[in-house]
Amino acid sequence: TLDKVHEESFSNILTKVEIEKSKELICVVMNNNDVIIFNKTNFRKIRQYSLKQYNSSAITDVCFGNNGDWLIIAFKLNQIIIIDLISSIMIENMIFTKSPLSVSVSPNNIYF
């Protein structure tokens, strides 16, 4: 049998989970556009962002930058934002003519 390591209850529906290996972070996306960052080692909540203020549409994808310092978030309504996790500041806001379906980062952080 498996032992329970951690239990967390959420008031909304979990829609996406992303894991960042080098800094041992877990990003959890909720259906109300809340994004919660946990430490993978001890499952402590590090950051929580309520992103309805940036875009009320659904989050389509999320990924970490290669060094784990950025969180890149794509929204259904034509927007991608980048949040610096250390300072908790939005450092980029990009608007597109089409909806971004997914985001990823190249090994050298140049393109995503």
Protein backbone atom coordinates (compact mmCIF):
# COMPACT_ATOMS: atom_id res chain seq x y z
CA THR A 1 0.00 0.00 0.00
CA LEU A 2 1.02 3.59 -0.57
CA ASP A 3 1.37 5.98 2.35
CA LYS A 4 -0.27 9.37 2.07
CA VAL A 5 2.43 12.03 1.87
CA HIS A 6 0.28 15.13 1.84
CA GLU A 7 -3.37 16.06 1.59
CA GLU A 8 -4.62 19.33 0.18
CA SER A 9 -8.23 20.33 -0.38
CA PHE A 10 -9.26 22.83 -3.03
CA SER A 11 -12.53 24.72 -3.27
CA ASN A 12 -12.37 24.74 -7.08
CA ILE A 13 -11.68 22.17 -9.77
CA LEU A 14 -8.05 21.42 -10.56
CA THR A 15 -7.48 21.74 -14.33
CA LYS A 16 -3.73 21.44 -14.84
CA VAL A 17 -0.55 20.42 -13.02
CA GLU A 18 2.99 21.30 -14.12
CA ILE A 19 6.19 20.11 -12.42
CA GLU A 20 9.51 21.95 -12.46
CA LYS A 21 12.29 19.51 -11.67
CA SER A 22 15.38 21.64 -10.96
CA LYS A 23 13.77 23.81 -8.25
CA GLU A 24 11.30 21.11 -7.21
CA LEU A 25 8.16 23.15 -7.80
CA ILE A 26 4.61 22.07 -8.59
CA CYS A 27 2.19 24.44 -10.28
CA VAL A 28 -1.53 23.73 -9.85
CA VAL A 29 -4.09 25.58 -12.01
CA MET A 30 -7.70 25.84 -10.86
CA ASN A 31 -10.81 26.44 -12.99
CA ASN A 32 -11.24 29.93 -11.46
CA ASN A 33 -7.78 30.98 -12.79
CA ASP A 34 -6.06 30.63 -9.44
CA VAL A 35 -2.49 29.37 -9.84
CA ILE A 36 -0.82 27.83 -6.79
CA ILE A 37 2.89 27.01 -6.55
CA PHE A 38 3.97 24.30 -4.11
CA ASN A 39 7.38 23.07 -3.02
CA LYS A 40 7.61 19.47 -4.23
CA THR A 41 9.76 18.37 -1.28
CA ASN A 42 7.52 19.39 1.63
CA PHE A 43 4.30 20.35 -0.27
CA ARG A 44 4.24 23.81 1.29
CA LYS A 45 2.38 26.52 -0.63
CA ILE A 46 4.95 29.03 -1.90
CA ARG A 47 2.84 31.39 -3.99
CA GLN A 48 -0.76 31.84 -5.05
CA TYR A 49 -1.91 34.05 -7.90
CA SER A 50 -5.49 34.99 -8.70
CA LEU A 51 -5.30 35.74 -12.41
CA LYS A 52 -8.90 36.79 -13.17
CA GLN A 53 -7.61 40.39 -13.14
CA TYR A 54 -5.40 39.66 -16.17
CA ASN A 55 -7.81 37.55 -18.20
CA SER A 56 -11.19 36.07 -17.31
CA SER A 57 -10.94 33.29 -19.90
CA ALA A 58 -9.69 29.81 -19.11
CA ILE A 59 -5.99 29.06 -18.76
CA THR A 60 -5.05 26.76 -21.65
CA ASP A 61 -1.48 25.94 -20.64
CA VAL A 62 1.25 26.75 -18.17
CA CYS A 63 4.98 26.03 -18.05
CA PHE A 64 8.03 27.02 -16.07
CA GLY A 65 11.05 28.75 -17.58
CA ASN A 66 14.17 26.58 -17.79
CA ASN A 67 15.68 27.89 -14.56
CA GLY A 68 12.35 27.73 -12.69
CA ASP A 69 12.25 31.48 -12.08
CA TRP A 70 9.41 32.24 -14.51
CA LEU A 71 5.89 30.95 -14.92
CA ILE A 72 4.45 31.29 -18.43
CA ILE A 73 0.66 31.18 -18.65
CA ALA A 74 -1.48 30.99 -21.81
CA PHE A 75 -5.13 32.08 -21.77
CA LYS A 76 -7.90 31.02 -24.14
CA LEU A 77 -8.61 34.63 -25.11
CA ASN A 78 -5.41 35.45 -27.00
CA GLN A 79 -3.00 36.27 -24.19
CA ILE A 80 0.21 34.96 -22.64
CA ILE A 81 1.68 36.41 -19.46
CA ILE A 82 5.02 35.73 -17.80
CA ILE A 83 5.36 36.01 -14.02
CA ASP A 84 8.72 36.24 -12.29
CA LEU A 85 8.29 33.82 -9.38
CA ILE A 86 10.99 35.38 -7.21
CA SER A 87 9.49 38.88 -7.23
CA SER A 88 5.87 37.83 -8.04
CA ILE A 89 5.74 40.52 -10.72
CA MET A 90 4.24 40.10 -14.18
CA ILE A 91 7.20 40.83 -16.45
CA GLU A 92 5.53 40.28 -19.84
CA ASN A 93 2.03 40.55 -21.26
CA MET A 94 1.54 39.46 -24.87
CA ILE A 95 -1.68 39.68 -26.90
CA PHE A 96 -2.19 37.52 -30.02
CA THR A 97 -4.75 37.41 -32.80
CA LYS A 98 -5.35 33.69 -32.19
CA SER A 99 -5.71 31.70 -29.01
CA PRO A 100 -2.45 30.15 -27.73
CA LEU A 101 -3.07 26.45 -27.17
CA SER A 102 0.19 25.58 -25.42
CA VAL A 103 3.46 27.09 -24.25
CA SER A 104 6.93 25.66 -23.84
CA VAL A 105 10.47 26.93 -23.39
CA SER A 106 13.51 26.03 -25.46
CA PRO A 107 16.66 24.78 -23.68
CA ASN A 108 18.30 28.21 -23.98
CA ASN A 109 15.19 30.24 -22.96
CA ILE A 110 15.11 32.13 -26.26
CA TYR A 111 11.80 30.97 -27.75
CA PHE A 112 8.60 29.78 -26.21
